[in-house]
Amino acid sequence: MDIGLVYSENDPRQTETRDFLREFIKKHGVNATISETRKKVASPTLVINGEALKDMRQTPRKKNAPMFPGVKEIAAALEHHLWSL
């Protein structure tokens, strides 16, 4: 599995996404290549096997909330790709 992650290491929510991704891969024993790019971005970008994971919301959940999938959605996408291998 090829995974690309672009995130801001200054945003704790984005580093939480990075940590979750690393832990998921480790916990599930997935053979994956993770390419991390640290860059000042408003929301992280996650690409799994060439497919970008993005939020389909038109408006934020709450005021100033990021428009990016949460860890539940990320886990679901990773599991989907695991079963697709």
PDB file of N, CA and C in Angstrom:
ATOM      1  N   MET A   1       0.856  -1.163   0.000  1.00  0.00           N
ATOM      2  CA  MET A   1       0.000   0.000   0.000  1.00  0.00           C
ATOM      3  C   MET A   1       0.908   1.233   0.000  1.00  0.00           C
ATOM      4  N   ASP A   2       0.596   2.188  -0.858  1.00  0.00           N
ATOM      5  CA  ASP A   2       1.329   3.449  -0.906  1.00  0.00           C
ATOM      6  C   ASP A   2       0.469   4.547  -0.299  1.00  0.00           C
ATOM      7  N   ILE A   3       1.039   5.243   0.682  1.00  0.00           N
ATOM      8  CA  ILE A   3       0.306   6.293   1.382  1.00  0.00           C
ATOM      9  C   ILE A   3       1.126   7.572   1.360  1.00  0.00           C
ATOM     10  N   GLY A   4       0.480   8.649   0.985  1.00  0.00           N
ATOM     11  CA  GLY A   4       1.112   9.958   1.014  1.00  0.00           C
ATOM     12  C   GLY A   4       0.356  10.859   1.975  1.00  0.00           C
ATOM     13  N   LEU A   5       1.079  11.584   2.786  1.00  0.00           N
ATOM     14  CA  LEU A   5       0.454  12.484   3.751  1.00  0.00           C
ATOM     15  C   LEU A   5       1.180  13.823   3.723  1.00  0.00           C
ATOM     16  N   VAL A   6       0.422  14.889   3.481  1.00  0.00           N
ATOM     17  CA  VAL A   6       0.941  16.247   3.569  1.00  0.00           C
ATOM     18  C   VAL A   6       0.239  16.873   4.763  1.00  0.00           C
ATOM     19  N   TYR A   7       1.027  17.370   5.721  1.00  0.00           N
ATOM     20  CA  TYR A   7       0.433  17.908   6.943  1.00  0.00           C
ATOM     21  C   TYR A   7       1.320  18.990   7.533  1.00  0.00           C
ATOM     22  N   SER A   8       0.718  19.783   8.417  1.00  0.00           N
ATOM     23  CA  SER A   8       1.447  20.819   9.132  1.00  0.00           C
ATOM     24  C   SER A   8       1.801  20.283  10.509  1.00  0.00           C
ATOM     25  N   GLU A   9       3.092  20.230  10.812  1.00  0.00           N
ATOM     26  CA  GLU A   9       3.503  19.712  12.123  1.00  0.00           C
ATOM     27  C   GLU A   9       3.253  20.716  13.234  1.00  0.00           C
ATOM     28  N   ASN A  10       2.825  21.929  12.898  1.00  0.00           N
ATOM     29  CA  ASN A  10       2.514  22.946  13.909  1.00  0.00           C
ATOM     30  C   ASN A  10       1.065  22.869  14.388  1.00  0.00           C
ATOM     31  N   ASP A  11       0.257  22.058  13.730  1.00  0.00           N
ATOM     32  CA  ASP A  11      -1.156  21.915  14.081  1.00  0.00           C
ATOM     33  C   ASP A  11      -1.352  20.573  14.786  1.00  0.00           C
ATOM     34  N   PRO A  12      -1.711  20.593  16.069  1.00  0.00           N
ATOM     35  CA  PRO A  12      -1.862  19.332  16.812  1.00  0.00           C
ATOM     36  C   PRO A  12      -2.901  18.388  16.218  1.00  0.00           C
ATOM     37  N   ARG A  13      -3.940  18.931  15.603  1.00  0.00           N
ATOM     38  CA  ARG A  13      -4.955  18.064  14.977  1.00  0.00           C
ATOM     39  C   ARG A  13      -4.368  17.305  13.795  1.00  0.00           C
ATOM     40  N   GLN A  14      -3.476  17.967  13.069  1.00  0.00           N
ATOM     41  CA  GLN A  14      -2.868  17.310  11.918  1.00  0.00           C
ATOM     42  C   GLN A  14      -1.810  16.294  12.338  1.00  0.00           C
ATOM     43  N   THR A  15      -1.075  16.588  13.392  1.00  0.00           N
ATOM     44  CA  THR A  15      -0.104  15.602  13.875  1.00  0.00           C
ATOM     45  C   THR A  15      -0.828  14.405  14.492  1.00  0.00           C
ATOM     46  N   GLU A  16      -2.024  14.637  15.019  1.00  0.00           N
ATOM     47  CA  GLU A  16      -2.847  13.523  15.520  1.00  0.00           C
ATOM     48  C   GLU A  16      -3.213  12.605  14.359  1.00  0.00           C
ATOM     49  N   THR A  17      -3.534  13.187  13.219  1.00  0.00           N
ATOM     50  CA  THR A  17      -3.830  12.399  12.024  1.00  0.00           C
ATOM     51  C   THR A  17      -2.614  11.566  11.634  1.00  0.00           C
ATOM     52  N   ARG A  18      -1.435  12.174  11.630  1.00  0.00           N
ATOM     53  CA  ARG A  18      -0.193  11.466  11.303  1.00  0.00           C
ATOM     54  C   ARG A  18       0.045  10.320  12.277  1.00  0.00           C
ATOM     55  N   ASP A  19      -0.098  10.587  13.570  1.00  0.00           N
ATOM     56  CA  ASP A  19       0.126   9.562  14.589  1.00  0.00           C
ATOM     57  C   ASP A  19      -0.866   8.413  14.444  1.00  0.00           C
ATOM     58  N   PHE A  20      -2.120   8.752  14.175  1.00  0.00           N
ATOM     59  CA  PHE A  20      -3.140   7.713  13.984  1.00  0.00           C
ATOM     60  C   PHE A  20      -2.773   6.840  12.791  1.00  0.00           C
ATOM     61  N   LEU A  21      -2.359   7.461  11.706  1.00  0.00           N
ATOM     62  CA  LEU A  21      -1.995   6.719  10.505  1.00  0.00           C
ATOM     63  C   LEU A  21      -0.845   5.760  10.787  1.00  0.00           C
ATOM     64  N   ARG A  22       0.196   6.237  11.429  1.00  0.00           N
ATOM     65  CA  ARG A  22       1.345   5.388  11.769  1.00  0.00           C
ATOM     66  C   ARG A  22       0.934   4.217  12.665  1.00  0.00           C
ATOM     67  N   GLU A  23       0.127   4.514  13.669  1.00  0.00           N
ATOM     68  CA  GLU A  23      -0.304   3.477  14.614  1.00  0.00           C
ATOM     69  C   GLU A  23      -1.194   2.439  13.923  1.00  0.00           C
ATOM     70  N   PHE A  24      -2.084   2.878  13.057  1.00  0.00           N
ATOM     71  CA  PHE A  24      -2.966   1.960  12.329  1.00  0.00           C
ATOM     72  C   PHE A  24      -2.131   0.977  11.504  1.00  0.00           C
ATOM     73  N   ILE A  25      -1.162   1.513  10.768  1.00  0.00           N
ATOM     74  CA  ILE A  25      -0.306   0.673   9.930  1.00  0.00           C
ATOM     75  C   ILE A  25       0.447  -0.340  10.786  1.00  0.00           C
ATOM     76  N   LYS A  26       1.006   0.130  11.886  1.00  0.00           N
ATOM     77  CA  LYS A  26       1.761  -0.749  12.786  1.00  0.00           C
ATOM     78  C   LYS A  26       0.860  -1.817  13.407  1.00  0.00           C
ATOM     79  N   LYS A  27      -0.285  -1.387  13.917  1.00  0.00           N
ATOM     80  CA  LYS A  27      -1.208  -2.297  14.612  1.00  0.00           C
ATOM     81  C   LYS A  27      -1.731  -3.398  13.686  1.00  0.00           C
ATOM     82  N   HIS A  28      -2.004  -3.047  12.442  1.00  0.00           N
ATOM     83  CA  HIS A  28      -2.585  -4.005  11.507  1.00  0.00           C
ATOM     84  C   HIS A  28      -1.539  -4.758  10.684  1.00  0.00           C
ATOM     85  N   GLY A  29      -0.262  -4.460  10.916  1.00  0.00           N
ATOM     86  CA  GLY A  29       0.796  -5.172  10.206  1.00  0.00           C
ATOM     87  C   GLY A  29       0.751  -4.967   8.706  1.00  0.00           C
ATOM     88  N   VAL A  30       0.358  -3.790   8.280  1.00  0.00           N
ATOM     89  CA  VAL A  30       0.220  -3.501   6.855  1.00  0.00           C
ATOM     90  C   VAL A  30       1.593  -3.235   6.247  1.00  0.00           C
ATOM     91  N   ASN A  31       1.837  -3.832   5.099  1.00  0.00           N
ATOM     92  CA  ASN A  31       3.050  -3.543   4.347  1.00  0.00           C
ATOM     93  C   ASN A  31       2.771  -2.274   3.543  1.00  0.00           C
ATOM     94  N   ALA A  32       3.242  -1.147   4.055  1.00  0.00           N
ATOM     95  CA  ALA A  32       2.938   0.133   3.438  1.00  0.00           C
ATOM     96  C   ALA A  32       4.162   1.019   3.367  1.00  0.00           C
ATOM     97  N   THR A  33       4.184   1.836   2.340  1.00  0.00           N
ATOM     98  CA  THR A  33       5.182   2.876   2.210  1.00  0.00           C
ATOM     99  C   THR A  33       4.478   4.189   2.494  1.00  0.00           C
ATOM    100  N   ILE A  34       4.943   4.897   3.516  1.00  0.00           N
ATOM    101  CA  ILE A  34       4.336   6.180   3.884  1.00  0.00           C
ATOM    102  C   ILE A  34       5.305   7.289   3.521  1.00  0.00           C
ATOM    103  N   SER A  35       4.838   8.195   2.677  1.00  0.00           N
ATOM    104  CA  SER A  35       5.625   9.376   2.308  1.00  0.00           C
ATOM    105  C   SER A  35       4.998  10.575   3.012  1.00  0.00           C
ATOM    106  N   GLU A  36       5.737  11.139   3.947  1.00  0.00           N
ATOM    107  CA  GLU A  36       5.229  12.290   4.697  1.00  0.00           C
ATOM    108  C   GLU A  36       5.894  13.558   4.195  1.00  0.00           C
ATOM    109  N   THR A  37       5.081  14.590   4.001  1.00  0.00           N
ATOM    110  CA  THR A  37       5.591  15.904   3.637  1.00  0.00           C
ATOM    111  C   THR A  37       5.071  16.896   4.662  1.00  0.00           C
ATOM    112  N   ARG A  38       5.996  17.559   5.334  1.00  0.00           N
ATOM    113  CA  ARG A  38       5.622  18.576   6.320  1.00  0.00           C
ATOM    114  C   ARG A  38       5.601  19.925   5.621  1.00  0.00           C
ATOM    115  N   LYS A  39       4.441  20.573   5.698  1.00  0.00           N
ATOM    116  CA  LYS A  39       4.236  21.819   4.989  1.00  0.00           C
ATOM    117  C   LYS A  39       3.133  22.587   5.696  1.00  0.00           C
ATOM    118  N   LYS A  40       3.199  23.891   5.696  1.00  0.00           N
ATOM    119  CA  LYS A  40       2.147  24.664   6.347  1.00  0.00           C
ATOM    120  C   LYS A  40       0.887  24.603   5.475  1.00  0.00           C
ATOM    121  N   VAL A  41      -0.097  23.824   5.933  1.00  0.00           N
ATOM    122  CA  VAL A  41      -1.361  23.651   5.214  1.00  0.00           C
ATOM    123  C   VAL A  41      -2.510  23.791   6.205  1.00  0.00           C
ATOM    124  N   ALA A  42      -3.664  24.217   5.708  1.00  0.00           N
ATOM    125  CA  ALA A  42      -4.841  24.375   6.562  1.00  0.00           C
ATOM    126  C   ALA A  42      -5.405  23.022   6.981  1.00  0.00           C
ATOM    127  N   SER A  43      -5.385  22.059   6.059  1.00  0.00           N
ATOM    128  CA  SER A  43      -5.870  20.707   6.327  1.00  0.00           C
ATOM    129  C   SER A  43      -4.907  19.720   5.699  1.00  0.00           C
ATOM    130  N   PRO A  44      -4.740  18.554   6.322  1.00  0.00           N
ATOM    131  CA  PRO A  44      -3.842  17.558   5.741  1.00  0.00           C
ATOM    132  C   PRO A  44      -4.416  16.967   4.461  1.00  0.00           C
ATOM    133  N   THR A  45      -3.540  16.449   3.643  1.00  0.00           N
ATOM    134  CA  THR A  45      -3.938  15.730   2.434  1.00  0.00           C
ATOM    135  C   THR A  45      -3.461  14.300   2.591  1.00  0.00           C
ATOM    136  N   LEU A  46      -4.356  13.357   2.388  1.00  0.00           N
ATOM    137  CA  LEU A  46      -4.029  11.940   2.504  1.00  0.00           C
ATOM    138  C   LEU A  46      -4.351  11.259   1.183  1.00  0.00           C
ATOM    139  N   VAL A  47      -3.365  10.568   0.630  1.00  0.00           N
ATOM    140  CA  VAL A  47      -3.549   9.841  -0.627  1.00  0.00           C
ATOM    141  C   VAL A  47      -3.197   8.383  -0.360  1.00  0.00           C
ATOM    142  N   ILE A  48      -4.140   7.489  -0.645  1.00  0.00           N
ATOM    143  CA  ILE A  48      -3.932   6.058  -0.443  1.00  0.00           C
ATOM    144  C   ILE A  48      -4.006   5.383  -1.807  1.00  0.00           C
ATOM    145  N   ASN A  49      -2.901   4.765  -2.215  1.00  0.00           N
ATOM    146  CA  ASN A  49      -2.826   4.100  -3.521  1.00  0.00           C
ATOM    147  C   ASN A  49      -3.322   4.999  -4.655  1.00  0.00           C
ATOM    148  N   GLY A  50      -2.930   6.258  -4.614  1.00  0.00           N
ATOM    149  CA  GLY A  50      -3.281   7.200  -5.668  1.00  0.00           C
ATOM    150  C   GLY A  50      -4.656   7.827  -5.539  1.00  0.00           C
ATOM    151  N   GLU A  51      -5.408   7.437  -4.534  1.00  0.00           N
ATOM    152  CA  GLU A  51      -6.761   7.962  -4.334  1.00  0.00           C
ATOM    153  C   GLU A  51      -6.768   8.939  -3.160  1.00  0.00           C
ATOM    154  N   ALA A  52      -7.118  10.184  -3.445  1.00  0.00           N
ATOM    155  CA  ALA A  52      -7.144  11.209  -2.397  1.00  0.00           C
ATOM    156  C   ALA A  52      -8.385  11.040  -1.537  1.00  0.00           C
ATOM    157  N   LEU A  53      -8.171  11.105  -0.233  1.00  0.00           N
ATOM    158  CA  LEU A  53      -9.280  11.040   0.717  1.00  0.00           C
ATOM    159  C   LEU A  53      -9.665  12.469   1.042  1.00  0.00           C
ATOM    160  N   LYS A  54     -10.896  12.799   0.764  1.00  0.00           N
ATOM    161  CA  LYS A  54     -11.334  14.155   1.045  1.00  0.00           C
ATOM    162  C   LYS A  54     -12.712  14.146   1.668  1.00  0.00           C
ATOM    163  N   ASP A  55     -12.991  15.212   2.352  1.00  0.00           N
ATOM    164  CA  ASP A  55     -14.264  15.362   3.034  1.00  0.00           C
ATOM    165  C   ASP A  55     -15.301  15.848   2.035  1.00  0.00           C
ATOM    166  N   MET A  56     -16.476  15.305   2.091  1.00  0.00           N
ATOM    167  CA  MET A  56     -17.538  15.685   1.173  1.00  0.00           C
ATOM    168  C   MET A  56     -18.441  16.773   1.739  1.00  0.00           C
ATOM    169  N   ARG A  57     -18.125  17.301   2.917  1.00  0.00           N
ATOM    170  CA  ARG A  57     -18.952  18.344   3.517  1.00  0.00           C
ATOM    171  C   ARG A  57     -18.871  19.626   2.709  1.00  0.00           C
ATOM    172  N   GLN A  58     -19.949  20.357   2.702  1.00  0.00           N
ATOM    173  CA  GLN A  58     -19.971  21.662   2.068  1.00  0.00           C
ATOM    174  C   GLN A  58     -19.719  22.771   3.078  1.00  0.00           C
ATOM    175  N   THR A  59     -20.051  22.488   4.356  1.00  0.00           N
ATOM    176  CA  THR A  59     -19.833  23.458   5.427  1.00  0.00           C
ATOM    177  C   THR A  59     -19.194  22.728   6.612  1.00  0.00           C
ATOM    178  N   PRO A  60     -18.427  23.441   7.429  1.00  0.00           N
ATOM    179  CA  PRO A  60     -17.770  22.797   8.569  1.00  0.00           C
ATOM    180  C   PRO A  60     -18.770  22.242   9.580  1.00  0.00           C
ATOM    181  N   ARG A  61     -18.324  21.228  10.357  1.00  0.00           N
ATOM    182  CA  ARG A  61     -19.161  20.656  11.414  1.00  0.00           C
ATOM    183  C   ARG A  61     -19.462  21.704  12.472  1.00  0.00           C
ATOM    184  N   LYS A  62     -18.445  22.470  12.824  1.00  0.00           N
ATOM    185  CA  LYS A  62     -18.561  23.524  13.824  1.00  0.00           C
ATOM    186  C   LYS A  62     -17.802  24.728  13.302  1.00  0.00           C
ATOM    187  N   LYS A  63     -17.960  25.832  13.967  1.00  0.00           N
ATOM    188  CA  LYS A  63     -17.228  27.028  13.589  1.00  0.00           C
ATOM    189  C   LYS A  63     -15.726  26.747  13.681  1.00  0.00           C
ATOM    190  N   ASN A  64     -14.998  27.118  12.653  1.00  0.00           N
ATOM    191  CA  ASN A  64     -13.547  26.931  12.560  1.00  0.00           C
ATOM    192  C   ASN A  64     -13.102  25.467  12.564  1.00  0.00           C
ATOM    193  N   ALA A  65     -14.003  24.553  12.297  1.00  0.00           N
ATOM    194  CA  ALA A  65     -13.628  23.135  12.240  1.00  0.00           C
ATOM    195  C   ALA A  65     -12.950  22.848  10.902  1.00  0.00           C
ATOM    196  N   PRO A  66     -11.983  21.942  10.892  1.00  0.00           N
ATOM    197  CA  PRO A  66     -11.324  21.609   9.628  1.00  0.00           C
ATOM    198  C   PRO A  66     -12.283  20.858   8.700  1.00  0.00           C
ATOM    199  N   MET A  67     -12.092  21.049   7.438  1.00  0.00           N
ATOM    200  CA  MET A  67     -12.919  20.351   6.442  1.00  0.00           C
ATOM    201  C   MET A  67     -12.149  19.131   5.951  1.00  0.00           C
ATOM    202  N   PHE A  68     -11.860  18.240   6.862  1.00  0.00           N
ATOM    203  CA  PHE A  68     -11.091  17.047   6.541  1.00  0.00           C
ATOM    204  C   PHE A  68     -11.687  15.869   7.292  1.00  0.00           C
ATOM    205  N   PRO A  69     -11.667  14.668   6.713  1.00  0.00           N
ATOM    206  CA  PRO A  69     -12.206  13.495   7.400  1.00  0.00           C
ATOM    207  C   PRO A  69     -11.512  13.247   8.735  1.00  0.00           C
ATOM    208  N   GLY A  70     -12.268  12.738   9.676  1.00  0.00           N
ATOM    209  CA  GLY A  70     -11.720  12.387  10.981  1.00  0.00           C
ATOM    210  C   GLY A  70     -11.070  11.016  10.954  1.00  0.00           C
ATOM    211  N   VAL A  71     -10.579  10.580  12.106  1.00  0.00           N
ATOM    212  CA  VAL A  71      -9.878   9.304  12.163  1.00  0.00           C
ATOM    213  C   VAL A  71     -10.793   8.121  11.820  1.00  0.00           C
ATOM    214  N   LYS A  72     -12.075   8.221  12.105  1.00  0.00           N
ATOM    215  CA  LYS A  72     -13.003   7.136  11.737  1.00  0.00           C
ATOM    216  C   LYS A  72     -13.053   6.958  10.225  1.00  0.00           C
ATOM    217  N   GLU A  73     -13.134   8.073   9.509  1.00  0.00           N
ATOM    218  CA  GLU A  73     -13.183   8.013   8.048  1.00  0.00           C
ATOM    219  C   GLU A  73     -11.849   7.542   7.469  1.00  0.00           C
ATOM    220  N   ILE A  74     -10.763   7.964   8.098  1.00  0.00           N
ATOM    221  CA  ILE A  74      -9.442   7.534   7.642  1.00  0.00           C
ATOM    222  C   ILE A  74      -9.284   6.030   7.855  1.00  0.00           C
ATOM    223  N   ALA A  75      -9.695   5.545   9.020  1.00  0.00           N
ATOM    224  CA  ALA A  75      -9.617   4.105   9.306  1.00  0.00           C
ATOM    225  C   ALA A  75     -10.460   3.315   8.311  1.00  0.00           C
ATOM    226  N   ALA A  76     -11.647   3.803   7.999  1.00  0.00           N
ATOM    227  CA  ALA A  76     -12.521   3.112   7.041  1.00  0.00           C
ATOM    228  C   ALA A  76     -11.868   3.059   5.662  1.00  0.00           C
ATOM    229  N   ALA A  77     -11.249   4.146   5.238  1.00  0.00           N
ATOM    230  CA  ALA A  77     -10.587   4.174   3.932  1.00  0.00           C
ATOM    231  C   ALA A  77      -9.395   3.217   3.914  1.00  0.00           C
ATOM    232  N   LEU A  78      -8.615   3.194   4.985  1.00  0.00           N
ATOM    233  CA  LEU A  78      -7.478   2.276   5.060  1.00  0.00           C
ATOM    234  C   LEU A  78      -7.939   0.820   5.030  1.00  0.00           C
ATOM    235  N   GLU A  79      -8.987   0.516   5.772  1.00  0.00           N
ATOM    236  CA  GLU A  79      -9.519  -0.858   5.778  1.00  0.00           C
ATOM    237  C   GLU A  79     -10.042  -1.231   4.403  1.00  0.00           C
ATOM    238  N   HIS A  80     -10.697  -0.313   3.743  1.00  0.00           N
ATOM    239  CA  HIS A  80     -11.206  -0.562   2.393  1.00  0.00           C
ATOM    240  C   HIS A  80     -10.047  -0.931   1.458  1.00  0.00           C
ATOM    241  N   HIS A  81      -8.961  -0.182   1.535  1.00  0.00           N
ATOM    242  CA  HIS A  81      -7.810  -0.456   0.683  1.00  0.00           C
ATOM    243  C   HIS A  81      -7.116  -1.758   1.076  1.00  0.00           C
ATOM    244  N   LEU A  82      -7.150  -2.092   2.362  1.00  0.00           N
ATOM    245  CA  LEU A  82      -6.573  -3.376   2.799  1.00  0.00           C
ATOM    246  C   LEU A  82      -7.304  -4.546   2.141  1.00  0.00           C
ATOM    247  N   TRP A  83      -8.623  -4.475   2.140  1.00  0.00           N
ATOM    248  CA  TRP A  83      -9.423  -5.562   1.581  1.00  0.00           C
ATOM    249  C   TRP A  83      -9.361  -5.581   0.061  1.00  0.00           C
ATOM    250  N   SER A  84      -8.948  -4.453  -0.530  1.00  0.00           N
ATOM    251  CA  SER A  84      -8.866  -4.372  -1.982  1.00  0.00           C
ATOM    252  C   SER A  84      -7.551  -4.907  -2.528  1.00  0.00           C
ATOM    253  N   LEU A  85      -6.583  -5.157  -1.643  1.00  0.00           N
ATOM    254  CA  LEU A  85      -5.267  -5.616  -2.103  1.00  0.00           C
ATOM    255  C   LEU A  85      -5.312  -7.030  -2.606  1.00  0.00           C
TER     256      LEU A  85
END
